[in-house]
Amino acid sequence: MAAKKLYAMYAEGTKIGEYSSREIADLLKIPQNSVTNYADTGLLYKGRYVFEVVCEGAGKTRKEPLLKEWDKVRVRILTAGR
């Protein structure tokens, strides 16, 4: 089974929600691959909608909070020594 990506959907700068590309395609009546293409390029769809990948794979968490936490712990370990 392919990993499921979630996309944040924004309309004129306001976050609408997080959906799969299939859900967004159904909501906006566009091809599913258009959602992924617009998310990859960062272009506006119909001058109004922006799509952004927020989660890759079912059950996985967003990477950014984990990366920030990792940086805090890494710096603490490096400054404390062994």
PDB file of N, CA and C in Angstrom:
ATOM      1  N   MET A   1       0.838  -1.184   0.000  1.00  0.00           N
ATOM      2  CA  MET A   1       0.000   0.000   0.000  1.00  0.00           C
ATOM      3  C   MET A   1       0.882   1.246   0.000  1.00  0.00           C
ATOM      4  N   ALA A   2       0.564   2.190  -0.842  1.00  0.00           N
ATOM      5  CA  ALA A   2       1.343   3.418  -0.936  1.00  0.00           C
ATOM      6  C   ALA A   2       1.118   4.293   0.291  1.00  0.00           C
ATOM      7  N   ALA A   3       2.160   5.029   0.646  1.00  0.00           N
ATOM      8  CA  ALA A   3       2.053   5.944   1.785  1.00  0.00           C
ATOM      9  C   ALA A   3       1.070   7.054   1.437  1.00  0.00           C
ATOM     10  N   LYS A   4       0.271   7.434   2.412  1.00  0.00           N
ATOM     11  CA  LYS A   4      -0.748   8.459   2.196  1.00  0.00           C
ATOM     12  C   LYS A   4      -0.201   9.810   2.650  1.00  0.00           C
ATOM     13  N   LYS A   5      -0.244  10.776   1.752  1.00  0.00           N
ATOM     14  CA  LYS A   5       0.178  12.132   2.088  1.00  0.00           C
ATOM     15  C   LYS A   5      -1.033  12.955   2.487  1.00  0.00           C
ATOM     16  N   LEU A   6      -0.835  13.817   3.458  1.00  0.00           N
ATOM     17  CA  LEU A   6      -1.872  14.776   3.819  1.00  0.00           C
ATOM     18  C   LEU A   6      -1.422  16.155   3.376  1.00  0.00           C
ATOM     19  N   TYR A   7      -2.365  16.934   2.904  1.00  0.00           N
ATOM     20  CA  TYR A   7      -2.098  18.278   2.424  1.00  0.00           C
ATOM     21  C   TYR A   7      -2.929  19.276   3.223  1.00  0.00           C
ATOM     22  N   ALA A   8      -2.293  20.377   3.608  1.00  0.00           N
ATOM     23  CA  ALA A   8      -3.037  21.489   4.182  1.00  0.00           C
ATOM     24  C   ALA A   8      -3.600  22.272   3.005  1.00  0.00           C
ATOM     25  N   MET A   9      -4.855  22.666   3.097  1.00  0.00           N
ATOM     26  CA  MET A   9      -5.490  23.447   2.040  1.00  0.00           C
ATOM     27  C   MET A   9      -5.807  24.829   2.599  1.00  0.00           C
ATOM     28  N   TYR A  10      -5.329  25.860   1.908  1.00  0.00           N
ATOM     29  CA  TYR A  10      -5.559  27.249   2.302  1.00  0.00           C
ATOM     30  C   TYR A  10      -6.367  27.942   1.219  1.00  0.00           C
ATOM     31  N   ALA A  11      -7.290  28.775   1.631  1.00  0.00           N
ATOM     32  CA  ALA A  11      -8.053  29.606   0.695  1.00  0.00           C
ATOM     33  C   ALA A  11      -7.809  31.052   1.088  1.00  0.00           C
ATOM     34  N   GLU A  12      -7.152  31.786   0.199  1.00  0.00           N
ATOM     35  CA  GLU A  12      -6.831  33.198   0.434  1.00  0.00           C
ATOM     36  C   GLU A  12      -6.126  33.392   1.775  1.00  0.00           C
ATOM     37  N   GLY A  13      -5.180  32.491   2.085  1.00  0.00           N
ATOM     38  CA  GLY A  13      -4.366  32.613   3.292  1.00  0.00           C
ATOM     39  C   GLY A  13      -4.966  32.008   4.546  1.00  0.00           C
ATOM     40  N   THR A  14      -6.206  31.560   4.501  1.00  0.00           N
ATOM     41  CA  THR A  14      -6.860  30.961   5.658  1.00  0.00           C
ATOM     42  C   THR A  14      -6.867  29.446   5.510  1.00  0.00           C
ATOM     43  N   LYS A  15      -6.380  28.751   6.541  1.00  0.00           N
ATOM     44  CA  LYS A  15      -6.334  27.292   6.476  1.00  0.00           C
ATOM     45  C   LYS A  15      -7.745  26.711   6.551  1.00  0.00           C
ATOM     46  N   ILE A  16      -8.060  25.879   5.559  1.00  0.00           N
ATOM     47  CA  ILE A  16      -9.357  25.219   5.487  1.00  0.00           C
ATOM     48  C   ILE A  16      -9.317  23.909   6.273  1.00  0.00           C
ATOM     49  N   GLY A  17      -8.222  23.170   6.136  1.00  0.00           N
ATOM     50  CA  GLY A  17      -8.084  21.889   6.817  1.00  0.00           C
ATOM     51  C   GLY A  17      -6.983  21.058   6.192  1.00  0.00           C
ATOM     52  N   GLU A  18      -6.864  19.807   6.674  1.00  0.00           N
ATOM     53  CA  GLU A  18      -5.881  18.871   6.145  1.00  0.00           C
ATOM     54  C   GLU A  18      -6.608  17.678   5.539  1.00  0.00           C
ATOM     55  N   TYR A  19      -6.244  17.362   4.290  1.00  0.00           N
ATOM     56  CA  TYR A  19      -6.946  16.339   3.543  1.00  0.00           C
ATOM     57  C   TYR A  19      -5.965  15.551   2.677  1.00  0.00           C
ATOM     58  N   SER A  20      -6.413  14.400   2.198  1.00  0.00           N
ATOM     59  CA  SER A  20      -5.640  13.668   1.192  1.00  0.00           C
ATOM     60  C   SER A  20      -5.858  14.357  -0.156  1.00  0.00           C
ATOM     61  N   SER A  21      -5.010  14.035  -1.118  1.00  0.00           N
ATOM     62  CA  SER A  21      -5.175  14.645  -2.443  1.00  0.00           C
ATOM     63  C   SER A  21      -6.508  14.230  -3.071  1.00  0.00           C
ATOM     64  N   ARG A  22      -6.959  13.021  -2.793  1.00  0.00           N
ATOM     65  CA  ARG A  22      -8.245  12.553  -3.314  1.00  0.00           C
ATOM     66  C   ARG A  22      -9.389  13.383  -2.738  1.00  0.00           C
ATOM     67  N   GLU A  23      -9.343  13.664  -1.443  1.00  0.00           N
ATOM     68  CA  GLU A  23     -10.401  14.461  -0.809  1.00  0.00           C
ATOM     69  C   GLU A  23     -10.449  15.882  -1.375  1.00  0.00           C
ATOM     70  N   ILE A  24      -9.272  16.482  -1.553  1.00  0.00           N
ATOM     71  CA  ILE A  24      -9.215  17.836  -2.123  1.00  0.00           C
ATOM     72  C   ILE A  24      -9.733  17.820  -3.557  1.00  0.00           C
ATOM     73  N   ALA A  25      -9.312  16.813  -4.320  1.00  0.00           N
ATOM     74  CA  ALA A  25      -9.767  16.698  -5.709  1.00  0.00           C
ATOM     75  C   ALA A  25     -11.290  16.587  -5.771  1.00  0.00           C
ATOM     76  N   ASP A  26     -11.870  15.819  -4.869  1.00  0.00           N
ATOM     77  CA  ASP A  26     -13.329  15.676  -4.841  1.00  0.00           C
ATOM     78  C   ASP A  26     -14.018  16.982  -4.437  1.00  0.00           C
ATOM     79  N   LEU A  27     -13.433  17.685  -3.454  1.00  0.00           N
ATOM     80  CA  LEU A  27     -14.017  18.951  -3.001  1.00  0.00           C
ATOM     81  C   LEU A  27     -14.020  20.017  -4.100  1.00  0.00           C
ATOM     82  N   LEU A  28     -12.902  20.104  -4.823  1.00  0.00           N
ATOM     83  CA  LEU A  28     -12.745  21.165  -5.819  1.00  0.00           C
ATOM     84  C   LEU A  28     -13.060  20.727  -7.244  1.00  0.00           C
ATOM     85  N   LYS A  29     -13.392  19.445  -7.405  1.00  0.00           N
ATOM     86  CA  LYS A  29     -13.727  18.907  -8.740  1.00  0.00           C
ATOM     87  C   LYS A  29     -12.575  19.087  -9.725  1.00  0.00           C
ATOM     88  N   ILE A  30     -11.363  18.677  -9.282  1.00  0.00           N
ATOM     89  CA  ILE A  30     -10.172  18.738 -10.127  1.00  0.00           C
ATOM     90  C   ILE A  30      -9.498  17.369 -10.118  1.00  0.00           C
ATOM     91  N   PRO A  31      -8.604  17.104 -11.088  1.00  0.00           N
ATOM     92  CA  PRO A  31      -7.878  15.835 -11.075  1.00  0.00           C
ATOM     93  C   PRO A  31      -6.969  15.729  -9.838  1.00  0.00           C
ATOM     94  N   GLN A  32      -6.823  14.524  -9.327  1.00  0.00           N
ATOM     95  CA  GLN A  32      -6.020  14.301  -8.130  1.00  0.00           C
ATOM     96  C   GLN A  32      -4.563  14.718  -8.335  1.00  0.00           C
ATOM     97  N   ASN A  33      -4.011  14.451  -9.515  1.00  0.00           N
ATOM     98  CA  ASN A  33      -2.619  14.820  -9.749  1.00  0.00           C
ATOM     99  C   ASN A  33      -2.411  16.334  -9.792  1.00  0.00           C
ATOM    100  N   SER A  34      -3.470  17.099 -10.037  1.00  0.00           N
ATOM    101  CA  SER A  34      -3.350  18.565  -9.993  1.00  0.00           C
ATOM    102  C   SER A  34      -3.027  19.041  -8.579  1.00  0.00           C
ATOM    103  N   VAL A  35      -3.616  18.386  -7.597  1.00  0.00           N
ATOM    104  CA  VAL A  35      -3.350  18.756  -6.198  1.00  0.00           C
ATOM    105  C   VAL A  35      -1.869  18.566  -5.882  1.00  0.00           C
ATOM    106  N   THR A  36      -1.332  17.407  -6.252  1.00  0.00           N
ATOM    107  CA  THR A  36       0.079  17.147  -5.962  1.00  0.00           C
ATOM    108  C   THR A  36       0.988  18.087  -6.752  1.00  0.00           C
ATOM    109  N   ASN A  37       0.619  18.394  -7.998  1.00  0.00           N
ATOM    110  CA  ASN A  37       1.428  19.313  -8.801  1.00  0.00           C
ATOM    111  C   ASN A  37       1.442  20.716  -8.202  1.00  0.00           C
ATOM    112  N   TYR A  38       0.292  21.211  -7.792  1.00  0.00           N
ATOM    113  CA  TYR A  38       0.236  22.540  -7.181  1.00  0.00           C
ATOM    114  C   TYR A  38       0.985  22.562  -5.845  1.00  0.00           C
ATOM    115  N   ALA A  39       0.913  21.481  -5.088  1.00  0.00           N
ATOM    116  CA  ALA A  39       1.639  21.420  -3.815  1.00  0.00           C
ATOM    117  C   ALA A  39       3.148  21.424  -4.061  1.00  0.00           C
ATOM    118  N   ASP A  40       3.598  20.694  -5.081  1.00  0.00           N
ATOM    119  CA  ASP A  40       5.029  20.633  -5.401  1.00  0.00           C
ATOM    120  C   ASP A  40       5.572  21.971  -5.881  1.00  0.00           C
ATOM    121  N   THR A  41       4.775  22.696  -6.660  1.00  0.00           N
ATOM    122  CA  THR A  41       5.255  23.952  -7.242  1.00  0.00           C
ATOM    123  C   THR A  41       4.987  25.166  -6.357  1.00  0.00           C
ATOM    124  N   GLY A  42       4.006  25.053  -5.455  1.00  0.00           N
ATOM    125  CA  GLY A  42       3.661  26.185  -4.590  1.00  0.00           C
ATOM    126  C   GLY A  42       2.801  27.236  -5.273  1.00  0.00           C
ATOM    127  N   LEU A  43       2.314  26.925  -6.469  1.00  0.00           N
ATOM    128  CA  LEU A  43       1.477  27.876  -7.199  1.00  0.00           C
ATOM    129  C   LEU A  43       0.053  27.885  -6.647  1.00  0.00           C
ATOM    130  N   LEU A  44      -0.643  28.991  -6.871  1.00  0.00           N
ATOM    131  CA  LEU A  44      -2.038  29.097  -6.466  1.00  0.00           C
ATOM    132  C   LEU A  44      -2.932  28.387  -7.479  1.00  0.00           C
ATOM    133  N   TYR A  45      -3.930  27.673  -6.993  1.00  0.00           N
ATOM    134  CA  TYR A  45      -4.930  27.084  -7.865  1.00  0.00           C
ATOM    135  C   TYR A  45      -6.090  28.072  -7.963  1.00  0.00           C
ATOM    136  N   LYS A  46      -6.439  28.446  -9.182  1.00  0.00           N
ATOM    137  CA  LYS A  46      -7.493  29.439  -9.469  1.00  0.00           C
ATOM    138  C   LYS A  46      -7.252  30.756  -8.733  1.00  0.00           C
ATOM    139  N   GLY A  47      -5.984  31.069  -8.474  1.00  0.00           N
ATOM    140  CA  GLY A  47      -5.642  32.327  -7.819  1.00  0.00           C
ATOM    141  C   GLY A  47      -6.107  32.427  -6.384  1.00  0.00           C
ATOM    142  N   ARG A  48      -6.525  31.304  -5.799  1.00  0.00           N
ATOM    143  CA  ARG A  48      -7.119  31.341  -4.466  1.00  0.00           C
ATOM    144  C   ARG A  48      -6.589  30.276  -3.513  1.00  0.00           C
ATOM    145  N   TYR A  49      -6.427  29.048  -4.001  1.00  0.00           N
ATOM    146  CA  TYR A  49      -6.093  27.921  -3.135  1.00  0.00           C
ATOM    147  C   TYR A  49      -4.601  27.586  -3.166  1.00  0.00           C
ATOM    148  N   VAL A  50      -4.071  27.255  -2.001  1.00  0.00           N
ATOM    149  CA  VAL A  50      -2.691  26.787  -1.879  1.00  0.00           C
ATOM    150  C   VAL A  50      -2.734  25.434  -1.179  1.00  0.00           C
ATOM    151  N   PHE A  51      -1.914  24.496  -1.669  1.00  0.00           N
ATOM    152  CA  PHE A  51      -1.819  23.173  -1.063  1.00  0.00           C
ATOM    153  C   PHE A  51      -0.387  22.969  -0.573  1.00  0.00           C
ATOM    154  N   GLU A  52      -0.244  22.375   0.606  1.00  0.00           N
ATOM    155  CA  GLU A  52       1.074  22.178   1.211  1.00  0.00           C
ATOM    156  C   GLU A  52       1.110  20.799   1.876  1.00  0.00           C
ATOM    157  N   VAL A  53       2.156  20.020   1.601  1.00  0.00           N
ATOM    158  CA  VAL A  53       2.287  18.705   2.219  1.00  0.00           C
ATOM    159  C   VAL A  53       2.568  18.894   3.710  1.00  0.00           C
ATOM    160  N   VAL A  54       1.762  18.245   4.550  1.00  0.00           N
ATOM    161  CA  VAL A  54       1.968  18.352   5.997  1.00  0.00           C
ATOM    162  C   VAL A  54       2.331  17.020   6.631  1.00  0.00           C
ATOM    163  N   CYS A  55       2.024  15.923   5.970  1.00  0.00           N
ATOM    164  CA  CYS A  55       2.304  14.615   6.554  1.00  0.00           C
ATOM    165  C   CYS A  55       2.468  13.601   5.437  1.00  0.00           C
ATOM    166  N   GLU A  56       3.549  12.831   5.513  1.00  0.00           N
ATOM    167  CA  GLU A  56       3.771  11.778   4.525  1.00  0.00           C
ATOM    168  C   GLU A  56       3.681  10.440   5.213  1.00  0.00           C
ATOM    169  N   GLY A  57       2.793   9.595   4.742  1.00  0.00           N
ATOM    170  CA  GLY A  57       2.657   8.253   5.282  1.00  0.00           C
ATOM    171  C   GLY A  57       1.641   8.175   6.400  1.00  0.00           C
ATOM    172  N   ALA A  58       0.852   7.140   6.371  1.00  0.00           N
ATOM    173  CA  ALA A  58      -0.172   6.949   7.402  1.00  0.00           C
ATOM    174  C   ALA A  58       0.486   6.689   8.743  1.00  0.00           C
ATOM    175  N   GLY A  59       0.015   7.380   9.757  1.00  0.00           N
ATOM    176  CA  GLY A  59       0.504   7.161  11.110  1.00  0.00           C
ATOM    177  C   GLY A  59       1.779   7.909  11.442  1.00  0.00           C
ATOM    178  N   LYS A  60       2.380   8.562  10.480  1.00  0.00           N
ATOM    179  CA  LYS A  60       3.596   9.316  10.766  1.00  0.00           C
ATOM    180  C   LYS A  60       3.232  10.705  11.265  1.00  0.00           C
ATOM    181  N   THR A  61       4.083  11.262  12.100  1.00  0.00           N
ATOM    182  CA  THR A  61       3.837  12.606  12.599  1.00  0.00           C
ATOM    183  C   THR A  61       4.554  13.615  11.724  1.00  0.00           C
ATOM    184  N   ARG A  62       4.247  14.856  11.907  1.00  0.00           N
ATOM    185  CA  ARG A  62       4.943  15.907  11.175  1.00  0.00           C
ATOM    186  C   ARG A  62       6.389  15.938  11.622  1.00  0.00           C
ATOM    187  N   LYS A  63       7.262  16.233  10.711  1.00  0.00           N
ATOM    188  CA  LYS A  63       8.689  16.166  10.984  1.00  0.00           C
ATOM    189  C   LYS A  63       9.219  17.386  11.719  1.00  0.00           C
ATOM    190  N   GLU A  64       8.671  18.545  11.475  1.00  0.00           N
ATOM    191  CA  GLU A  64       9.240  19.771  12.027  1.00  0.00           C
ATOM    192  C   GLU A  64       9.318  19.784  13.555  1.00  0.00           C
ATOM    193  N   PRO A  65       8.244  19.454  14.286  1.00  0.00           N
ATOM    194  CA  PRO A  65       8.369  19.445  15.756  1.00  0.00           C
ATOM    195  C   PRO A  65       9.416  18.451  16.244  1.00  0.00           C
ATOM    196  N   LEU A  66       9.527  17.317  15.566  1.00  0.00           N
ATOM    197  CA  LEU A  66      10.530  16.334  15.957  1.00  0.00           C
ATOM    198  C   LEU A  66      11.937  16.858  15.703  1.00  0.00           C
ATOM    199  N   LEU A  67      12.120  17.549  14.596  1.00  0.00           N
ATOM    200  CA  LEU A  67      13.431  18.107  14.290  1.00  0.00           C
ATOM    201  C   LEU A  67      13.826  19.178  15.292  1.00  0.00           C
ATOM    202  N   LYS A  68      12.872  20.006  15.687  1.00  0.00           N
ATOM    203  CA  LYS A  68      13.163  21.038  16.686  1.00  0.00           C
ATOM    204  C   LYS A  68      13.539  20.415  18.025  1.00  0.00           C
ATOM    205  N   GLU A  69      12.813  19.380  18.420  1.00  0.00           N
ATOM    206  CA  GLU A  69      13.115  18.698  19.676  1.00  0.00           C
ATOM    207  C   GLU A  69      14.489  18.041  19.603  1.00  0.00           C
ATOM    208  N   TRP A  70      14.793  17.421  18.473  1.00  0.00           N
ATOM    209  CA  TRP A  70      16.098  16.795  18.285  1.00  0.00           C
ATOM    210  C   TRP A  70      17.206  17.836  18.404  1.00  0.00           C
ATOM    211  N   ASP A  71      17.036  19.003  17.817  1.00  0.00           N
ATOM    212  CA  ASP A  71      18.046  20.050  17.916  1.00  0.00           C
ATOM    213  C   ASP A  71      18.272  20.474  19.359  1.00  0.00           C
ATOM    214  N   LYS A  72      17.197  20.611  20.139  1.00  0.00           N
ATOM    215  CA  LYS A  72      17.332  20.990  21.556  1.00  0.00           C
ATOM    216  C   LYS A  72      18.134  19.952  22.324  1.00  0.00           C
ATOM    217  N   VAL A  73      17.788  18.690  22.135  1.00  0.00           N
ATOM    218  CA  VAL A  73      18.474  17.609  22.855  1.00  0.00           C
ATOM    219  C   VAL A  73      19.922  17.507  22.417  1.00  0.00           C
ATOM    220  N   ARG A  74      20.173  17.619  21.117  1.00  0.00           N
ATOM    221  CA  ARG A  74      21.536  17.525  20.587  1.00  0.00           C
ATOM    222  C   ARG A  74      22.423  18.626  21.169  1.00  0.00           C
ATOM    223  N   VAL A  75      21.904  19.839  21.193  1.00  0.00           N
ATOM    224  CA  VAL A  75      22.674  20.959  21.741  1.00  0.00           C
ATOM    225  C   VAL A  75      22.936  20.741  23.230  1.00  0.00           C
ATOM    226  N   ARG A  76      21.958  20.265  23.954  1.00  0.00           N
ATOM    227  CA  ARG A  76      22.125  19.990  25.394  1.00  0.00           C
ATOM    228  C   ARG A  76      23.218  18.945  25.616  1.00  0.00           C
ATOM    229  N   ILE A  77      23.219  17.905  24.795  1.00  0.00           N
ATOM    230  CA  ILE A  77      24.244  16.856  24.934  1.00  0.00           C
ATOM    231  C   ILE A  77      25.619  17.415  24.591  1.00  0.00           C
ATOM    232  N   LEU A  78      25.709  18.181  23.527  1.00  0.00           N
ATOM    233  CA  LEU A  78      26.999  18.722  23.106  1.00  0.00           C
ATOM    234  C   LEU A  78      27.571  19.709  24.109  1.00  0.00           C
ATOM    235  N   THR A  79      26.736  20.518  24.720  1.00  0.00           N
ATOM    236  CA  THR A  79      27.219  21.512  25.690  1.00  0.00           C
ATOM    237  C   THR A  79      27.552  20.890  27.048  1.00  0.00           C
ATOM    238  N   ALA A  80      26.870  19.789  27.377  1.00  0.00           N
ATOM    239  CA  ALA A  80      27.114  19.141  28.669  1.00  0.00           C
ATOM    240  C   ALA A  80      28.360  18.264  28.640  1.00  0.00           C
ATOM    241  N   GLY A  81      28.747  17.800  27.502  1.00  0.00           N
ATOM    242  CA  GLY A  81      29.885  16.893  27.417  1.00  0.00           C
ATOM    243  C   GLY A  81      29.467  15.498  27.832  1.00  0.00           C
ATOM    244  N   ARG A  82      30.460  14.623  27.951  1.00  0.00           N
ATOM    245  CA  ARG A  82      30.130  13.242  28.324  1.00  0.00           C
ATOM    246  C   ARG A  82      30.507  12.962  29.732  1.00  0.00           C
TER     247      ARG A  82
END
